[in-house]
Amino acid sequence: MSSIFNQNSDFHKHFKSNKLEKSDAPPKKTSKTPEPKPSKKQEAPAPAQSQESYILDLRNPKNHKNKKTSKLKTPNQTEKSSHSDLLSKINAKASWKTHLWTLSKASLIFLVTIIALNFDAFYQIWEFRVQQFLNLETENPLEELASQNLNPSIVSAPTLKIPPLDIEIIPPGNRIILPRLGKNVPIVGVAEEKLLLRDWTGLENDIQGALRNGVVHYPGTPQPNQSGNFVLTGHSSYFPWDPGRFKDVFAVLHNVVVGDEILVYHDMQKYRYKVEESFTITPDQISVLGDSGDNRLTLITCTPIGTNLKRLIVVAKPV
């Protein structure tokens, strides 16, 4: 037996023949071959979930790229959007109701505050209207005073045949009487010194101080025994903590009607006036203080109750 290390042995011959057969065979593929590319006619469609629509924005010349407009909405997304729209509507409605409720509460608080601060004035107004609504007849001695010139308490004795005396009781001081409203108020004068000096702040302070004691004869206007426009001003309401008994003396002045009689006592003389008209003006319309070419009585107060937004004017002419 020949040695396997001998090159001429059968082992070496067989080994060389196998080696030649392997070298002649084509090389085996060790890596995966790439898949053939599909032709243009057989392009594989993209998955349905990744499909997106594109549009070219031609309105903006700076942007010519394809822009993604919107994705296809799934049923879940559609349901979510409907829920969000419903929630937004509910929130908007709730916000509107909240604002309305807040405004209502603020208005109620403001109204209650105004009524509380001016309770006496509102009480007079409600009392007067209730009496008118129920047709309650109350004894008003001021109406008798306006309608009679003679003193009914003095009667002549039939045996002595003494004629009745033409005597009328004149109240002391200067006063204004509104019989139908049941008002009998003193008239207070104010010095004209501040008016001549054009010290408007000082004049206003003097008037406000005098209003605590009655209605004020506006300085610079004539007296009842003089020709011209006799002007009186009074409070319709004022701060409850302010001193004085006449803070709401003209609270029911807006209830006067054309034809009502007004009496003025000045220097122990009686003057009769009859209401001609009533109207409202703004505070800057001061022409009502001027001379109108005739004799008249002008009453002024603030309106509405609890404010000084406007002025209520009542004009009466001598009878």
Protein backbone atom coordinates (compact mmCIF):
# COMPACT_ATOMS: atom_id res chain seq x y z
CA MET A 1 0.00 0.00 0.00
CA SER A 2 1.34 3.37 -1.00
CA SER A 3 1.63 6.19 1.50
CA ILE A 4 -0.96 9.00 1.44
CA PHE A 5 1.84 11.49 1.51
CA ASN A 6 3.12 10.29 -1.84
CA GLN A 7 2.06 12.58 -4.63
CA ASN A 8 1.61 9.70 -7.07
CA SER A 9 -0.66 7.82 -4.78
CA ASP A 10 -4.31 7.13 -5.52
CA PHE A 11 -5.37 9.47 -2.70
CA HIS A 12 -3.65 12.46 -4.27
CA LYS A 13 -5.05 11.65 -7.70
CA HIS A 14 -8.62 11.45 -6.36
CA PHE A 15 -8.16 14.66 -4.35
CA LYS A 16 -6.91 16.60 -7.39
CA SER A 17 -9.80 15.37 -9.57
CA ASN A 18 -12.39 16.56 -7.01
CA LYS A 19 -10.63 19.90 -6.74
CA LEU A 20 -10.79 20.45 -10.50
CA GLU A 21 -14.51 19.57 -10.61
CA LYS A 22 -15.27 22.17 -7.91
CA SER A 23 -13.27 24.90 -9.66
CA ASP A 24 -15.07 24.29 -12.99
CA ALA A 25 -18.56 24.48 -11.40
CA PRO A 26 -20.26 27.91 -11.31
CA PRO A 27 -19.97 29.70 -8.03
CA LYS A 28 -22.86 29.31 -5.66
CA LYS A 29 -24.96 32.35 -4.69
CA THR A 30 -24.29 33.22 -1.09
CA SER A 31 -26.55 36.31 -0.83
CA LYS A 32 -30.13 36.77 -1.71
CA THR A 33 -30.73 37.99 -5.19
CA PRO A 34 -32.69 41.25 -5.47
CA GLU A 35 -36.25 40.92 -6.59
CA PRO A 36 -36.95 42.06 -10.11
CA LYS A 37 -38.26 45.59 -10.34
CA PRO A 38 -41.85 45.86 -11.46
CA SER A 39 -42.47 47.37 -14.82
CA LYS A 40 -44.20 50.69 -15.29
CA LYS A 41 -47.37 48.96 -16.32
CA GLN A 42 -47.40 46.76 -13.23
CA GLU A 43 -46.70 49.20 -10.41
CA ALA A 44 -47.76 47.90 -7.04
CA PRO A 45 -50.51 50.04 -5.45
CA ALA A 46 -49.71 51.74 -2.16
CA PRO A 47 -51.48 50.49 0.95
CA ALA A 48 -54.94 52.00 1.51
CA GLN A 49 -54.07 53.32 4.96
CA SER A 50 -51.24 55.56 3.68
CA GLN A 51 -53.18 57.13 0.83
CA GLU A 52 -53.21 60.93 1.04
CA SER A 53 -54.63 63.58 -1.25
CA TYR A 54 -52.49 66.43 -2.53
CA ILE A 55 -53.34 69.71 -4.18
CA LEU A 56 -51.24 72.35 -5.91
CA ASP A 57 -51.63 75.79 -4.36
CA LEU A 58 -51.81 78.13 -7.38
CA ARG A 59 -53.02 81.15 -5.38
CA ASN A 60 -49.67 81.73 -3.69
CA PRO A 61 -46.93 82.21 -6.32
CA LYS A 62 -44.23 81.67 -3.71
CA ASN A 63 -45.38 78.15 -2.98
CA HIS A 64 -45.65 75.71 -5.95
CA LYS A 65 -45.11 72.55 -3.97
CA ASN A 66 -47.69 69.91 -3.47
CA LYS A 67 -49.44 70.50 -0.17
CA LYS A 68 -51.20 67.93 1.88
CA THR A 69 -54.77 69.11 2.33
CA SER A 70 -56.45 66.58 4.47
CA LYS A 71 -56.30 62.99 5.38
CA LEU A 72 -59.11 60.61 4.79
CA LYS A 73 -61.15 60.61 7.98
CA THR A 74 -61.90 57.35 9.56
CA PRO A 75 -65.27 56.77 11.28
CA ASN A 76 -63.63 57.28 14.68
CA GLN A 77 -62.22 60.66 13.62
CA THR A 78 -65.61 61.76 12.25
CA GLU A 79 -67.29 60.82 15.51
CA LYS A 80 -64.64 62.70 17.52
CA SER A 81 -65.09 65.85 15.40
CA SER A 82 -68.87 65.76 15.87
CA HIS A 83 -68.38 65.38 19.63
CA SER A 84 -65.97 68.33 19.70
CA ASP A 85 -68.44 70.50 17.75
CA LEU A 86 -71.20 69.59 20.15
CA LEU A 87 -69.00 70.37 23.16
CA SER A 88 -68.01 73.73 21.68
CA LYS A 89 -71.69 74.65 21.18
CA ILE A 90 -72.53 73.61 24.73
CA ASN A 91 -69.62 75.65 26.11
CA ALA A 92 -70.66 78.69 24.07
CA LYS A 93 -74.24 78.41 25.34
CA ALA A 94 -73.05 77.96 28.92
CA SER A 95 -70.77 80.99 28.60
CA TRP A 96 -73.68 83.11 27.29
CA LYS A 97 -75.89 82.00 30.17
CA THR A 98 -73.11 82.76 32.65
CA HIS A 99 -72.68 86.30 31.34
CA LEU A 100 -76.45 86.88 31.39
CA TRP A 101 -76.73 85.60 34.96
CA THR A 102 -73.83 87.79 36.10
CA LEU A 103 -75.39 90.85 34.45
CA SER A 104 -78.76 90.08 36.05
CA LYS A 105 -77.20 89.78 39.52
CA ALA A 106 -75.27 93.05 39.07
CA SER A 107 -78.44 94.86 37.93
CA LEU A 108 -80.41 93.49 40.88
CA ILE A 109 -77.72 94.55 43.37
CA PHE A 110 -77.60 98.04 41.82
CA LEU A 111 -81.41 98.37 41.95
CA VAL A 112 -81.60 97.23 45.58
CA THR A 113 -78.82 99.66 46.52
CA ILE A 114 -80.59 102.61 44.87
CA ILE A 115 -83.88 101.78 46.59
CA ALA A 116 -82.19 101.34 49.97
CA LEU A 117 -80.35 104.67 49.73
CA ASN A 118 -83.51 106.54 48.66
CA PHE A 119 -86.16 104.57 50.52
CA ASP A 120 -88.04 107.62 51.84
CA ALA A 121 -88.40 109.11 48.37
CA PHE A 122 -89.60 105.83 46.82
CA TYR A 123 -91.99 105.31 49.72
CA GLN A 124 -93.65 108.68 49.01
CA ILE A 125 -93.97 107.81 45.33
CA TRP A 126 -95.49 104.37 46.00
CA GLU A 127 -97.84 105.77 48.66
CA PHE A 128 -99.10 108.46 46.28
CA ARG A 129 -99.65 105.97 43.45
CA VAL A 130 -101.43 103.47 45.69
CA GLN A 131 -103.80 106.18 46.88
CA GLN A 132 -104.53 107.15 43.29
CA PHE A 133 -105.03 103.54 42.21
CA LEU A 134 -107.41 102.72 45.08
CA ASN A 135 -109.14 106.13 44.88
CA LEU A 136 -108.50 106.70 48.56
CA GLU A 137 -109.80 110.07 49.72
CA THR A 138 -107.62 111.46 52.46
CA GLU A 139 -108.21 114.70 54.28
CA ASN A 140 -105.88 117.32 52.91
CA PRO A 141 -106.15 120.66 54.70
CA LEU A 142 -103.85 122.24 52.15
CA GLU A 143 -106.49 121.84 49.43
CA GLU A 144 -109.00 123.64 51.60
CA LEU A 145 -106.47 126.38 52.17
CA ALA A 146 -106.05 126.83 48.44
CA SER A 147 -109.79 126.90 47.71
CA GLN A 148 -110.94 129.27 50.47
CA ASN A 149 -110.16 132.90 51.00
CA LEU A 150 -112.30 133.43 54.07
CA ASN A 151 -111.84 132.07 57.54
CA PRO A 152 -114.76 129.64 57.99
CA SER A 153 -114.31 129.46 61.77
CA ILE A 154 -115.64 132.98 62.27
CA VAL A 155 -119.42 133.17 61.85
CA SER A 156 -121.55 136.21 62.55
CA ALA A 157 -124.13 136.05 65.27
CA PRO A 158 -127.64 136.33 63.81
CA THR A 159 -128.84 138.59 66.58
CA LEU A 160 -126.00 141.08 66.29
CA LYS A 161 -125.85 140.94 62.46
CA ILE A 162 -122.06 141.33 62.40
CA PRO A 163 -120.69 140.79 58.88
CA PRO A 164 -118.05 138.03 58.46
CA LEU A 165 -114.48 139.20 58.64
CA ASP A 166 -112.29 138.73 55.56
CA ILE A 167 -109.42 137.18 57.53
CA GLU A 168 -106.96 134.65 56.15
CA ILE A 169 -104.28 132.95 58.18
CA ILE A 170 -100.85 133.72 56.72
CA PRO A 171 -98.10 131.31 57.73
CA PRO A 172 -94.96 132.90 59.12
CA GLY A 173 -91.94 133.15 56.88
CA ASN A 174 -91.74 132.36 53.19
CA ARG A 175 -93.32 129.05 52.10
CA ILE A 176 -94.48 127.13 49.06
CA ILE A 177 -97.56 124.90 49.21
CA LEU A 178 -98.47 122.21 46.66
CA PRO A 179 -101.98 121.25 47.83
CA ARG A 180 -102.58 118.15 45.70
CA LEU A 181 -99.18 116.67 46.66
CA GLY A 182 -99.63 117.58 50.34
CA LYS A 183 -96.40 119.62 50.48
CA ASN A 184 -95.92 122.68 52.68
CA VAL A 185 -92.24 123.60 52.60
CA PRO A 186 -90.26 126.64 53.74
CA ILE A 187 -88.42 128.75 51.16
CA VAL A 188 -84.80 129.50 52.03
CA GLY A 189 -82.75 132.34 50.56
CA VAL A 190 -79.05 132.25 49.59
CA ALA A 191 -76.71 135.23 49.55
CA GLU A 192 -75.80 136.50 46.08
CA GLU A 193 -72.21 137.36 46.98
CA LYS A 194 -70.75 134.16 45.47
CA LEU A 195 -72.85 134.69 42.35
CA LEU A 196 -71.46 138.20 41.82
CA LEU A 197 -67.91 136.91 42.32
CA ARG A 198 -68.60 134.01 39.90
CA ASP A 199 -67.48 131.60 42.57
CA TRP A 200 -69.55 128.68 41.24
CA THR A 201 -68.09 126.13 43.67
CA GLY A 202 -68.84 128.31 46.68
CA LEU A 203 -72.33 129.07 45.33
CA GLU A 204 -73.07 125.36 44.91
CA ASN A 205 -71.91 124.68 48.47
CA ASP A 206 -74.19 127.45 49.80
CA ILE A 207 -77.16 126.04 47.88
CA GLN A 208 -76.52 122.49 49.10
CA GLY A 209 -76.32 123.74 52.69
CA ALA A 210 -79.56 125.71 52.35
CA LEU A 211 -81.40 122.72 50.84
CA ARG A 212 -81.22 121.01 54.25
CA ASN A 213 -83.78 123.53 55.52
CA GLY A 214 -86.28 123.57 52.65
CA VAL A 215 -86.41 124.59 48.98
CA VAL A 216 -84.02 127.30 47.81
CA HIS A 217 -84.85 130.51 45.99
CA TYR A 218 -82.21 130.42 43.28
CA PRO A 219 -79.96 133.50 43.68
CA GLY A 220 -80.14 136.03 40.89
CA THR A 221 -83.80 135.36 40.05
CA PRO A 222 -86.58 137.83 41.04
CA GLN A 223 -88.88 137.55 44.04
CA PRO A 224 -92.60 136.75 43.66
CA ASN A 225 -93.49 140.44 44.07
CA GLN A 226 -91.19 141.29 41.15
CA SER A 227 -91.73 140.65 37.47
CA GLY A 228 -89.77 137.83 35.88
CA ASN A 229 -88.92 134.19 36.50
CA PHE A 230 -89.15 133.19 40.19
CA VAL A 231 -87.05 129.97 40.47
CA LEU A 232 -87.17 127.44 43.32
CA THR A 233 -85.06 124.29 43.52
CA GLY A 234 -85.32 121.33 45.91
CA HIS A 235 -84.08 117.78 46.44
CA SER A 236 -85.91 114.77 45.06
CA SER A 237 -83.57 112.49 47.03
CA TYR A 238 -80.24 112.74 48.77
CA PHE A 239 -77.82 110.71 50.89
CA PRO A 240 -79.63 109.23 53.90
CA TRP A 241 -76.74 110.09 56.23
CA ASP A 242 -76.81 113.77 55.23
CA PRO A 243 -78.48 116.02 57.87
CA GLY A 244 -81.72 117.84 57.15
CA ARG A 245 -85.46 117.10 56.95
CA PHE A 246 -86.01 118.04 53.31
CA LYS A 247 -83.82 115.57 51.39
CA ASP A 248 -86.81 114.30 49.36
CA VAL A 249 -89.16 117.27 49.41
CA PHE A 250 -89.73 117.14 45.62
CA ALA A 251 -89.76 113.33 45.32
CA VAL A 252 -93.36 113.38 43.99
CA LEU A 253 -93.05 116.56 41.96
CA HIS A 254 -93.40 114.57 38.72
CA ASN A 255 -96.99 113.74 39.79
CA VAL A 256 -98.21 117.30 39.25
CA VAL A 257 -100.57 117.79 36.34
CA VAL A 258 -101.48 120.79 34.25
CA GLY A 259 -104.00 122.90 36.14
CA ASP A 260 -102.70 122.12 39.64
CA GLU A 261 -102.58 125.12 41.95
CA ILE A 262 -99.43 126.22 43.76
CA LEU A 263 -99.39 128.74 46.59
CA VAL A 264 -96.43 130.90 47.57
CA TYR A 265 -96.30 133.02 50.71
CA HIS A 266 -93.70 135.79 50.61
CA ASP A 267 -93.39 138.76 52.99
CA MET A 268 -96.86 138.04 54.43
CA GLN A 269 -98.40 138.08 50.96
CA LYS A 270 -100.11 135.22 49.14
CA TYR A 271 -99.41 134.44 45.47
CA ARG A 272 -101.33 131.92 43.39
CA TYR A 273 -99.92 130.01 40.45
CA LYS A 274 -101.37 127.38 38.12
CA VAL A 275 -99.22 124.68 36.52
CA GLU A 276 -98.81 125.19 32.76
CA GLU A 277 -96.30 122.45 31.80
CA SER A 278 -93.64 120.03 33.04
CA PHE A 279 -90.66 118.55 31.18
CA THR A 280 -87.12 117.23 31.66
CA ILE A 281 -83.82 118.73 30.52
CA THR A 282 -80.11 118.01 30.87
CA PRO A 283 -78.09 119.82 33.58
CA ASP A 284 -76.29 122.00 31.02
CA GLN A 285 -79.55 123.58 29.81
CA ILE A 286 -79.55 126.58 32.12
CA SER A 287 -81.86 128.72 29.99
CA VAL A 288 -84.73 127.82 32.36
CA LEU A 289 -83.12 130.15 34.90
CA GLY A 290 -83.31 133.16 32.60
CA ASP A 291 -86.05 135.69 32.00
CA SER A 292 -88.67 134.46 29.54
CA GLY A 293 -90.48 137.79 29.16
CA ASP A 294 -93.36 137.01 31.52
CA ASN A 295 -94.09 136.34 35.17
CA ARG A 296 -93.78 132.70 36.17
CA LEU A 297 -92.77 130.24 38.85
CA THR A 298 -90.21 127.57 37.92
CA LEU A 299 -89.61 124.51 40.10
CA ILE A 300 -86.47 122.42 39.55
CA THR A 301 -85.41 119.03 40.93
CA CYS A 302 -83.23 116.08 39.93
CA THR A 303 -84.59 113.03 38.12
CA PRO A 304 -84.69 109.99 38.07
CA ILE A 305 -84.85 109.35 41.80
CA GLY A 306 -81.40 108.70 43.24
CA THR A 307 -79.54 110.30 40.30
CA ASN A 308 -78.73 113.74 38.92
CA LEU A 309 -78.74 112.73 35.26
CA LYS A 310 -81.56 115.13 34.32
CA ARG A 311 -83.64 117.95 35.72
CA LEU A 312 -87.43 117.97 36.10
CA ILE A 313 -88.92 121.38 35.35
CA VAL A 314 -92.41 122.51 36.39
CA VAL A 315 -93.59 125.88 35.06
CA ALA A 316 -96.56 127.71 36.64
CA LYS A 317 -98.10 131.05 35.74
CA PRO A 318 -99.74 133.58 38.12
CA VAL A 319 -103.52 133.36 38.51
